[in-house]
Amino acid sequence: NFSPKEKQIEVFKQQLELAVKVQKPVFLHERDAFDTQYQILKDY
């Protein structure tokens, strides 16, 4: 948690939205955050 969880989630979603816009794949990092990351990815 070098960055607050809420800020991590916000920035993650911003980058997913960018990836959708430019239609380039996403290079993902996840550590001890599987449940939250999985739920976000399901939407995008």
All heavy atoms as atom14 arrays in JSON, in Angstrom:
{
  "sequence": "NFSPKEKQIEVFKQQLELAVKVQKPVFLHERDAFDTQYQILKDY",
  "atom14_mask": [
    [1, 1, 1, 1, 1, 1, 1, 1, 0, 0, 0, 0, 0, 0],
    [1, 1, 1, 1, 1, 1, 1, 1, 1, 1, 1, 0, 0, 0],
    [1, 1, 1, 1, 1, 1, 0, 0, 0, 0, 0, 0, 0, 0],
    [1, 1, 1, 1, 1, 1, 1, 0, 0, 0, 0, 0, 0, 0],
    [1, 1, 1, 1, 1, 1, 1, 1, 1, 0, 0, 0, 0, 0],
    [1, 1, 1, 1, 1, 1, 1, 1, 1, 0, 0, 0, 0, 0],
    [1, 1, 1, 1, 1, 1, 1, 1, 1, 0, 0, 0, 0, 0],
    [1, 1, 1, 1, 1, 1, 1, 1, 1, 0, 0, 0, 0, 0],
    [1, 1, 1, 1, 1, 1, 1, 1, 0, 0, 0, 0, 0, 0],
    [1, 1, 1, 1, 1, 1, 1, 1, 1, 0, 0, 0, 0, 0],
    [1, 1, 1, 1, 1, 1, 1, 0, 0, 0, 0, 0, 0, 0],
    [1, 1, 1, 1, 1, 1, 1, 1, 1, 1, 1, 0, 0, 0],
    [1, 1, 1, 1, 1, 1, 1, 1, 1, 0, 0, 0, 0, 0],
    [1, 1, 1, 1, 1, 1, 1, 1, 1, 0, 0, 0, 0, 0],
    [1, 1, 1, 1, 1, 1, 1, 1, 1, 0, 0, 0, 0, 0],
    [1, 1, 1, 1, 1, 1, 1, 1, 0, 0, 0, 0, 0, 0],
    [1, 1, 1, 1, 1, 1, 1, 1, 1, 0, 0, 0, 0, 0],
    [1, 1, 1, 1, 1, 1, 1, 1, 0, 0, 0, 0, 0, 0],
    [1, 1, 1, 1, 1, 0, 0, 0, 0, 0, 0, 0, 0, 0],
    [1, 1, 1, 1, 1, 1, 1, 0, 0, 0, 0, 0, 0, 0],
    [1, 1, 1, 1, 1, 1, 1, 1, 1, 0, 0, 0, 0, 0],
    [1, 1, 1, 1, 1, 1, 1, 0, 0, 0, 0, 0, 0, 0],
    [1, 1, 1, 1, 1, 1, 1, 1, 1, 0, 0, 0, 0, 0],
    [1, 1, 1, 1, 1, 1, 1, 1, 1, 0, 0, 0, 0, 0],
    [1, 1, 1, 1, 1, 1, 1, 0, 0, 0, 0, 0, 0, 0],
    [1, 1, 1, 1, 1, 1, 1, 0, 0, 0, 0, 0, 0, 0],
    [1, 1, 1, 1, 1, 1, 1, 1, 1, 1, 1, 0, 0, 0],
    [1, 1, 1, 1, 1, 1, 1, 1, 0, 0, 0, 0, 0, 0],
    [1, 1, 1, 1, 1, 1, 1, 1, 1, 1, 0, 0, 0, 0],
    [1, 1, 1, 1, 1, 1, 1, 1, 1, 0, 0, 0, 0, 0],
    [1, 1, 1, 1, 1, 1, 1, 1, 1, 1, 1, 0, 0, 0],
    [1, 1, 1, 1, 1, 1, 1, 1, 0, 0, 0, 0, 0, 0],
    [1, 1, 1, 1, 1, 0, 0, 0, 0, 0, 0, 0, 0, 0],
    [1, 1, 1, 1, 1, 1, 1, 1, 1, 1, 1, 0, 0, 0],
    [1, 1, 1, 1, 1, 1, 1, 1, 0, 0, 0, 0, 0, 0],
    [1, 1, 1, 1, 1, 1, 1, 0, 0, 0, 0, 0, 0, 0],
    [1, 1, 1, 1, 1, 1, 1, 1, 1, 0, 0, 0, 0, 0],
    [1, 1, 1, 1, 1, 1, 1, 1, 1, 1, 1, 1, 0, 0],
    [1, 1, 1, 1, 1, 1, 1, 1, 1, 0, 0, 0, 0, 0],
    [1, 1, 1, 1, 1, 1, 1, 1, 0, 0, 0, 0, 0, 0],
    [1, 1, 1, 1, 1, 1, 1, 1, 0, 0, 0, 0, 0, 0],
    [1, 1, 1, 1, 1, 1, 1, 1, 1, 0, 0, 0, 0, 0],
    [1, 1, 1, 1, 1, 1, 1, 1, 0, 0, 0, 0, 0, 0],
    [1, 1, 1, 1, 1, 1, 1, 1, 1, 1, 1, 1, 0, 0]
  ],
  "atom14_positions": [
    [[0.82, -1.22, 0.0], [0.0, 0.0, 0.0], [0.85, 1.27, 0.0], [0.64, 2.18, 0.8], [-0.97, 0.0, 1.2], [-2.14, -0.93, 0.99], [-2.69, -1.03, -0.1], [-2.53, -1.64, 2.04], [0.0, 0.0, 0.0], [0.0, 0.0, 0.0], [0.0, 0.0, 0.0], [0.0, 0.0, 0.0], [0.0, 0.0, 0.0], [0.0, 0.0, 0.0]],
    [[1.83, 1.32, -0.91], [2.62, 2.54, -1.08], [1.74, 3.7, -1.54], [2.09, 4.86, -1.36], [3.76, 2.3, -2.08], [4.87, 1.45, -1.53], [5.61, 0.62, -2.36], [5.19, 1.48, -0.18], [6.65, -0.15, -1.86], [6.23, 0.71, 0.33], [6.96, -0.11, -0.51], [0.0, 0.0, 0.0], [0.0, 0.0, 0.0], [0.0, 0.0, 0.0]],
    [[0.62, 3.37, -2.19], [-0.41, 4.35, -2.51], [-1.7, 3.91, -1.84], [-1.96, 2.71, -1.71], [-0.62, 4.44, -4.03], [0.52, 4.98, -4.68], [0.0, 0.0, 0.0], [0.0, 0.0, 0.0], [0.0, 0.0, 0.0], [0.0, 0.0, 0.0], [0.0, 0.0, 0.0], [0.0, 0.0, 0.0], [0.0, 0.0, 0.0], [0.0, 0.0, 0.0]],
    [[-2.54, 4.86, -1.41], [-3.81, 4.49, -0.78], [-4.67, 3.61, -1.7], [-4.65, 3.79, -2.92], [-4.48, 5.84, -0.53], [-3.36, 6.83, -0.49], [-2.34, 6.32, -1.46], [0.0, 0.0, 0.0], [0.0, 0.0, 0.0], [0.0, 0.0, 0.0], [0.0, 0.0, 0.0], [0.0, 0.0, 0.0], [0.0, 0.0, 0.0], [0.0, 0.0, 0.0]],
    [[-5.39, 2.68, -1.11], [-6.19, 1.75, -1.92], [-7.15, 2.48, -2.85], [-7.3, 2.11, -4.01], [-6.97, 0.8, -1.0], [-6.11, -0.21, -0.27], [-6.97, -1.16, 0.55], [-6.13, -2.2, 1.26], [-6.94, -3.15, 2.06], [0.0, 0.0, 0.0], [0.0, 0.0, 0.0], [0.0, 0.0, 0.0], [0.0, 0.0, 0.0], [0.0, 0.0, 0.0]],
    [[-7.81, 3.52, -2.34], [-8.78, 4.24, -3.15], [-8.12, 4.88, -4.37], [-8.68, 4.88, -5.47], [-9.48, 5.31, -2.31], [-10.33, 4.77, -1.17], [-9.5, 4.28, 0.0], [-8.3, 4.63, 0.07], [-10.06, 3.56, 0.86], [0.0, 0.0, 0.0], [0.0, 0.0, 0.0], [0.0, 0.0, 0.0], [0.0, 0.0, 0.0], [0.0, 0.0, 0.0]],
    [[-6.91, 5.42, -4.17], [-6.18, 6.05, -5.28], [-5.72, 4.98, -6.28], [-5.77, 5.19, -7.5], [-4.98, 6.83, -4.75], [-4.2, 7.57, -5.82], [-5.04, 8.63, -6.51], [-4.18, 9.45, -7.47], [-4.97, 10.48, -8.19], [0.0, 0.0, 0.0], [0.0, 0.0, 0.0], [0.0, 0.0, 0.0], [0.0, 0.0, 0.0], [0.0, 0.0, 0.0]],
    [[-5.28, 3.84, -5.78], [-4.89, 2.74, -6.67], [-6.05, 2.35, -7.58], [-5.88, 2.16, -8.79], [-4.45, 1.53, -5.85], [-3.13, 1.65, -5.14], [-2.7, 0.33, -4.54], [-2.77, -0.72, -5.19], [-2.25, 0.36, -3.29], [0.0, 0.0, 0.0], [0.0, 0.0, 0.0], [0.0, 0.0, 0.0], [0.0, 0.0, 0.0], [0.0, 0.0, 0.0]],
    [[-7.22, 2.19, -6.99], [-8.4, 1.78, -7.75], [-8.75, 2.84, -8.8], [-9.06, 2.51, -9.95], [-9.58, 1.53, -6.8], [-9.3, 0.29, -5.94], [-10.88, 1.35, -7.57], [-10.28, 0.08, -4.81], [0.0, 0.0, 0.0], [0.0, 0.0, 0.0], [0.0, 0.0, 0.0], [0.0, 0.0, 0.0], [0.0, 0.0, 0.0], [0.0, 0.0, 0.0]],
    [[-8.7, 4.1, -8.4], [-9.01, 5.19, -9.34], [-8.07, 5.19, -10.53], [-8.5, 5.25, -11.69], [-8.91, 6.53, -8.6], [-9.09, 7.75, -9.51], [-8.72, 9.05, -8.81], [-8.59, 9.06, -7.56], [-8.55, 10.06, -9.51], [0.0, 0.0, 0.0], [0.0, 0.0, 0.0], [0.0, 0.0, 0.0], [0.0, 0.0, 0.0], [0.0, 0.0, 0.0]],
    [[-6.77, 5.09, -10.25], [-5.77, 5.12, -11.33], [-5.85, 3.87, -12.19], [-5.67, 3.92, -13.41], [-4.35, 5.29, -10.72], [-3.27, 5.07, -11.76], [-4.21, 6.69, -10.11], [0.0, 0.0, 0.0], [0.0, 0.0, 0.0], [0.0, 0.0, 0.0], [0.0, 0.0, 0.0], [0.0, 0.0, 0.0], [0.0, 0.0, 0.0], [0.0, 0.0, 0.0]],
    [[-6.14, 2.74, -11.58], [-6.3, 1.5, -12.35], [-7.46, 1.63, -13.34], [-7.32, 1.32, -14.53], [-6.55, 0.35, -11.38], [-6.69, -1.01, -12.03], [-5.97, -1.35, -13.17], [-7.53, -1.97, -11.47], [-6.09, -2.61, -13.75], [-7.66, -3.22, -12.04], [-6.94, -3.53, -13.18], [0.0, 0.0, 0.0], [0.0, 0.0, 0.0], [0.0, 0.0, 0.0]],
    [[-8.58, 2.12, -12.87], [-9.74, 2.29, -13.75], [-9.45, 3.29, -14.87], [-9.89, 3.09, -16.02], [-10.96, 2.73, -12.94], [-11.53, 1.64, -12.05], [-12.77, 2.13, -11.3], [-13.39, 1.04, -10.46], [-14.58, 1.52, -9.7], [0.0, 0.0, 0.0], [0.0, 0.0, 0.0], [0.0, 0.0, 0.0], [0.0, 0.0, 0.0], [0.0, 0.0, 0.0]],
    [[-8.72, 4.34, -14.56], [-8.37, 5.33, -15.59], [-7.55, 4.7, -16.7], [-7.75, 4.99, -17.89], [-7.6, 6.5, -14.95], [-8.45, 7.41, -14.09], [-7.63, 8.43, -13.33], [-6.45, 8.21, -13.01], [-8.22, 9.56, -13.02], [0.0, 0.0, 0.0], [0.0, 0.0, 0.0], [0.0, 0.0, 0.0], [0.0, 0.0, 0.0], [0.0, 0.0, 0.0]],
    [[-6.63, 3.81, -16.32], [-5.8, 3.15, -17.32], [-6.57, 2.1, -18.11], [-6.32, 1.9, -19.31], [-4.56, 2.55, -16.65], [-3.62, 3.62, -16.13], [-2.42, 3.04, -15.41], [-1.38, 2.76, -16.01], [-2.56, 2.84, -14.11], [0.0, 0.0, 0.0], [0.0, 0.0, 0.0], [0.0, 0.0, 0.0], [0.0, 0.0, 0.0], [0.0, 0.0, 0.0]],
    [[-7.5, 1.43, -17.47], [-8.35, 0.49, -18.2], [-9.2, 1.23, -19.22], [-9.39, 0.75, -20.35], [-9.24, -0.27, -17.22], [-8.53, -1.28, -16.31], [-9.51, -1.87, -15.3], [-7.87, -2.4, -17.11], [0.0, 0.0, 0.0], [0.0, 0.0, 0.0], [0.0, 0.0, 0.0], [0.0, 0.0, 0.0], [0.0, 0.0, 0.0], [0.0, 0.0, 0.0]],
    [[-9.7, 2.4, -18.84], [-10.49, 3.2, -19.78], [-9.63, 3.66, -20.96], [-10.09, 3.69, -22.11], [-11.08, 4.4, -19.04], [-12.19, 4.0, -18.06], [-12.54, 5.09, -17.07], [-11.99, 6.21, -17.2], [-13.35, 4.83, -16.16], [0.0, 0.0, 0.0], [0.0, 0.0, 0.0], [0.0, 0.0, 0.0], [0.0, 0.0, 0.0], [0.0, 0.0, 0.0]],
    [[-8.37, 4.0, -20.67], [-7.46, 4.38, -21.75], [-7.21, 3.2, -22.68], [-7.2, 3.35, -23.91], [-6.14, 4.86, -21.15], [-4.99, 5.12, -22.13], [-5.38, 6.18, -23.17], [-3.73, 5.56, -21.38], [0.0, 0.0, 0.0], [0.0, 0.0, 0.0], [0.0, 0.0, 0.0], [0.0, 0.0, 0.0], [0.0, 0.0, 0.0], [0.0, 0.0, 0.0]],
    [[-7.01, 2.01, -22.1], [-6.78, 0.81, -22.92], [-7.97, 0.52, -23.81], [-7.81, 0.1, -24.96], [-6.49, -0.39, -22.01], [0.0, 0.0, 0.0], [0.0, 0.0, 0.0], [0.0, 0.0, 0.0], [0.0, 0.0, 0.0], [0.0, 0.0, 0.0], [0.0, 0.0, 0.0], [0.0, 0.0, 0.0], [0.0, 0.0, 0.0], [0.0, 0.0, 0.0]],
    [[-9.17, 0.74, -23.3], [-10.37, 0.55, -24.12], [-10.37, 1.56, -25.26], [-10.68, 1.22, -26.42], [-11.64, 0.71, -23.26], [-12.88, 0.77, -24.15], [-11.75, -0.43, -22.26], [0.0, 0.0, 0.0], [0.0, 0.0, 0.0], [0.0, 0.0, 0.0], [0.0, 0.0, 0.0], [0.0, 0.0, 0.0], [0.0, 0.0, 0.0], [0.0, 0.0, 0.0]],
    [[-10.0, 2.79, -24.96], [-10.02, 3.85, -25.98], [-9.03, 3.58, -27.1], [-9.38, 3.71, -28.29], [-9.7, 5.2, -25.33], [-9.79, 6.37, -26.32], [-9.55, 7.71, -25.64], [-8.08, 7.94, -25.39], [-7.79, 9.33, -24.95], [0.0, 0.0, 0.0], [0.0, 0.0, 0.0], [0.0, 0.0, 0.0], [0.0, 0.0, 0.0], [0.0, 0.0, 0.0]],
    [[-7.81, 3.2, -26.77], [-6.78, 3.0, -27.8], [-6.76, 1.57, -28.31], [-6.02, 1.25, -29.25], [-5.39, 3.4, -27.28], [-5.37, 4.87, -26.9], [-4.94, 2.52, -26.11], [0.0, 0.0, 0.0], [0.0, 0.0, 0.0], [0.0, 0.0, 0.0], [0.0, 0.0, 0.0], [0.0, 0.0, 0.0], [0.0, 0.0, 0.0], [0.0, 0.0, 0.0]],
    [[-7.52, 0.68, -27.67], [-7.61, -0.73, -28.06], [-6.25, -1.42, -28.1], [-5.89, -2.12, -29.06], [-8.35, -0.88, -29.38], [-9.86, -0.83, -29.24], [-10.41, -1.96, -28.36], [-10.44, -3.12, -28.78], [-10.82, -1.65, -27.13], [0.0, 0.0, 0.0], [0.0, 0.0, 0.0], [0.0, 0.0, 0.0], [0.0, 0.0, 0.0], [0.0, 0.0, 0.0]],
    [[-5.5, -1.19, -27.02], [-4.26, -1.92, -26.8], [-4.41, -2.75, -25.54], [-5.15, -2.38, -24.62], [-3.07, -0.96, -26.69], [-2.72, -0.31, -28.02], [-1.45, 0.53, -27.96], [-1.13, 1.09, -29.34], [0.1, 1.93, -29.35], [0.0, 0.0, 0.0], [0.0, 0.0, 0.0], [0.0, 0.0, 0.0], [0.0, 0.0, 0.0], [0.0, 0.0, 0.0]],
    [[-3.75, -3.9, -25.47], [-3.93, -4.79, -24.32], [-3.38, -4.18, -23.03], [-2.66, -3.18, -23.05], [-3.17, -6.05, -24.72], [-2.14, -5.57, -25.69], [-2.8, -4.45, -26.45], [0.0, 0.0, 0.0], [0.0, 0.0, 0.0], [0.0, 0.0, 0.0], [0.0, 0.0, 0.0], [0.0, 0.0, 0.0], [0.0, 0.0, 0.0], [0.0, 0.0, 0.0]],
    [[-3.72, -4.83, -21.92], [-3.33, -4.33, -20.6], [-2.31, -5.29, -19.97], [-2.48, -6.5, -19.99], [-4.56, -4.21, -19.68], [-4.15, -3.64, -18.34], [-5.62, -3.34, -20.32], [0.0, 0.0, 0.0], [0.0, 0.0, 0.0], [0.0, 0.0, 0.0], [0.0, 0.0, 0.0], [0.0, 0.0, 0.0], [0.0, 0.0, 0.0], [0.0, 0.0, 0.0]],
    [[-1.26, -4.68, -19.4], [-0.19, -5.42, -18.72], [-0.43, -5.24, -17.22], [-0.22, -4.16, -16.67], [1.16, -4.84, -19.15], [2.36, -5.66, -18.76], [2.64, -6.85, -19.41], [3.23, -5.22, -17.76], [3.76, -7.6, -19.07], [4.34, -5.96, -17.41], [4.62, -7.15, -18.07], [0.0, 0.0, 0.0], [0.0, 0.0, 0.0], [0.0, 0.0, 0.0]],
    [[-0.9, -6.32, -16.57], [-1.47, -6.22, -15.23], [-0.51, -6.62, -14.1], [0.23, -7.6, -14.22], [-2.71, -7.1, -15.13], [-3.89, -6.73, -16.02], [-4.92, -7.85, -15.99], [-4.52, -5.42, -15.55], [0.0, 0.0, 0.0], [0.0, 0.0, 0.0], [0.0, 0.0, 0.0], [0.0, 0.0, 0.0], [0.0, 0.0, 0.0], [0.0, 0.0, 0.0]],
    [[-0.6, -5.86, -13.02], [0.07, -6.21, -11.77], [-1.0, -6.44, -10.71], [-2.0, -5.71, -10.67], [0.97, -5.05, -11.33], [1.57, -5.23, -9.96], [2.85, -5.69, -9.77], [1.06, -5.01, -8.71], [3.1, -5.75, -8.46], [2.03, -5.34, -7.81], [0.0, 0.0, 0.0], [0.0, 0.0, 0.0], [0.0, 0.0, 0.0], [0.0, 0.0, 0.0]],
    [[-0.8, -7.46, -9.88], [-1.73, -7.69, -8.77], [-1.02, -8.42, -7.66], [-0.36, -9.43, -7.88], [-2.95, -8.49, -9.24], [-3.97, -8.76, -8.13], [-3.78, -10.12, -7.48], [-3.69, -11.13, -8.22], [-3.71, -10.16, -6.23], [0.0, 0.0, 0.0], [0.0, 0.0, 0.0], [0.0, 0.0, 0.0], [0.0, 0.0, 0.0], [0.0, 0.0, 0.0]],
    [[-1.12, -7.86, -6.45], [-0.55, -8.53, -5.28], [-1.47, -8.29, -4.08], [-1.74, -7.15, -3.72], [0.86, -8.02, -4.98], [1.57, -8.84, -3.91], [3.0, -8.42, -3.75], [3.68, -9.29, -2.78], [4.89, -9.07, -2.29], [5.58, -8.0, -2.69], [5.43, -9.89, -1.4], [0.0, 0.0, 0.0], [0.0, 0.0, 0.0], [0.0, 0.0, 0.0]],
    [[-1.93, -9.38, -3.52], [-2.81, -9.35, -2.35], [-4.04, -8.47, -2.6], [-4.55, -7.83, -1.67], [-2.06, -8.84, -1.12], [-0.97, -9.8, -0.66], [-0.92, -10.93, -1.18], [-0.16, -9.41, 0.2], [0.0, 0.0, 0.0], [0.0, 0.0, 0.0], [0.0, 0.0, 0.0], [0.0, 0.0, 0.0], [0.0, 0.0, 0.0], [0.0, 0.0, 0.0]],
    [[-4.51, -8.45, -3.83], [-5.67, -7.62, -4.17], [-6.57, -8.34, -5.16], [-7.29, -7.69, -5.93], [-5.19, -6.29, -4.75], [0.0, 0.0, 0.0], [0.0, 0.0, 0.0], [0.0, 0.0, 0.0], [0.0, 0.0, 0.0], [0.0, 0.0, 0.0], [0.0, 0.0, 0.0], [0.0, 0.0, 0.0], [0.0, 0.0, 0.0], [0.0, 0.0, 0.0]],
    [[-6.54, -9.66, -5.15], [-7.23, -10.42, -6.19], [-8.72, -10.1, -6.28], [-9.24, -9.84, -7.36], [-7.04, -11.93, -5.98], [-7.87, -12.74, -6.93], [-7.45, -12.95, -8.23], [-9.1, -13.26, -6.53], [-8.24, -13.66, -9.13], [-9.88, -13.97, -7.42], [-9.46, -14.17, -8.72], [0.0, 0.0, 0.0], [0.0, 0.0, 0.0], [0.0, 0.0, 0.0]],
    [[-9.42, -10.16, -5.16], [-10.87, -10.0, -5.19], [-11.29, -8.67, -5.81], [-12.18, -8.62, -6.68], [-11.46, -10.12, -3.79], [-11.38, -11.54, -3.23], [-11.22, -12.48, -4.04], [-11.45, -11.7, -2.0], [0.0, 0.0, 0.0], [0.0, 0.0, 0.0], [0.0, 0.0, 0.0], [0.0, 0.0, 0.0], [0.0, 0.0, 0.0], [0.0, 0.0, 0.0]],
    [[-10.64, -7.59, -5.39], [-10.98, -6.27, -5.91], [-10.61, -6.16, -7.39], [-11.4, -5.65, -8.2], [-10.27, -5.17, -5.11], [-10.59, -5.31, -3.73], [-10.68, -3.79, -5.58], [0.0, 0.0, 0.0], [0.0, 0.0, 0.0], [0.0, 0.0, 0.0], [0.0, 0.0, 0.0], [0.0, 0.0, 0.0], [0.0, 0.0, 0.0], [0.0, 0.0, 0.0]],
    [[-9.42, -6.63, -7.75], [-8.97, -6.52, -9.13], [-9.86, -7.36, -10.06], [-10.2, -6.94, -11.16], [-7.51, -6.94, -9.26], [-6.95, -6.77, -10.66], [-5.5, -6.32, -10.66], [-5.11, -5.45, -9.9], [-4.69, -6.91, -11.51], [0.0, 0.0, 0.0], [0.0, 0.0, 0.0], [0.0, 0.0, 0.0], [0.0, 0.0, 0.0], [0.0, 0.0, 0.0]],
    [[-10.21, -8.54, -9.6], [-11.07, -9.42, -10.4], [-12.4, -8.76, -10.7], [-12.88, -8.79, -11.84], [-11.27, -10.74, -9.66], [-12.21, -11.7, -10.35], [-11.77, -12.51, -11.4], [-13.55, -11.81, -9.95], [-12.62, -13.4, -12.03], [-14.41, -12.69, -10.58], [-13.95, -13.49, -11.61], [-14.8, -14.35, -12.24], [0.0, 0.0, 0.0], [0.0, 0.0, 0.0]],
    [[-13.02, -8.17, -9.71], [-14.32, -7.53, -9.89], [-14.23, -6.35, -10.85], [-15.13, -6.14, -11.68], [-14.89, -7.08, -8.54], [-15.28, -8.23, -7.62], [-16.33, -9.16, -8.23], [-17.24, -8.7, -8.94], [-16.19, -10.45, -7.98], [0.0, 0.0, 0.0], [0.0, 0.0, 0.0], [0.0, 0.0, 0.0], [0.0, 0.0, 0.0], [0.0, 0.0, 0.0]],
    [[-13.15, -5.58, -10.77], [-12.97, -4.45, -11.68], [-12.77, -4.95, -13.11], [-13.37, -4.43, -14.07], [-11.79, -3.58, -11.23], [-12.12, -2.89, -9.91], [-11.44, -2.53, -12.3], [-10.95, -2.15, -9.28], [0.0, 0.0, 0.0], [0.0, 0.0, 0.0], [0.0, 0.0, 0.0], [0.0, 0.0, 0.0], [0.0, 0.0, 0.0], [0.0, 0.0, 0.0]],
    [[-11.94, -5.96, -13.26], [-11.66, -6.49, -14.6], [-12.91, -7.06, -15.25], [-13.08, -6.94, -16.47], [-10.57, -7.56, -14.52], [-9.14, -7.07, -14.31], [-8.21, -8.24, -14.04], [-8.65, -6.28, -15.52], [0.0, 0.0, 0.0], [0.0, 0.0, 0.0], [0.0, 0.0, 0.0], [0.0, 0.0, 0.0], [0.0, 0.0, 0.0], [0.0, 0.0, 0.0]],
    [[-13.78, -7.67, -14.47], [-15.01, -8.23, -15.02], [-15.82, -7.18, -15.78], [-16.43, -7.48, -16.8], [-15.87, -8.83, -13.9], [-15.46, -10.22, -13.47], [-16.34, -10.74, -12.36], [-17.77, -10.95, -12.83], [-18.62, -11.53, -11.76], [0.0, 0.0, 0.0], [0.0, 0.0, 0.0], [0.0, 0.0, 0.0], [0.0, 0.0, 0.0], [0.0, 0.0, 0.0]],
    [[-15.79, -5.96, -15.27], [-16.56, -4.88, -15.9], [-15.92, -4.39, -17.19], [-16.61, -3.98, -18.12], [-16.72, -3.71, -14.93], [-17.58, -4.07, -13.72], [-18.41, -4.98, -13.85], [-17.39, -3.45, -12.67], [0.0, 0.0, 0.0], [0.0, 0.0, 0.0], [0.0, 0.0, 0.0], [0.0, 0.0, 0.0], [0.0, 0.0, 0.0], [0.0, 0.0, 0.0]],
    [[-14.58, -4.42, -17.24], [-13.88, -3.82, -18.38], [-13.49, -4.81, -19.48], [-13.36, -4.41, -20.65], [-12.6, -3.12, -17.89], [-12.86, -1.79, -17.23], [-13.06, -1.69, -15.85], [-12.91, -0.61, -17.97], [-13.29, -0.47, -15.24], [-13.14, 0.62, -17.36], [-13.33, 0.68, -16.0], [-13.56, 1.9, -15.4], [0.0, 0.0, 0.0], [0.0, 0.0, 0.0]]
  ]
}
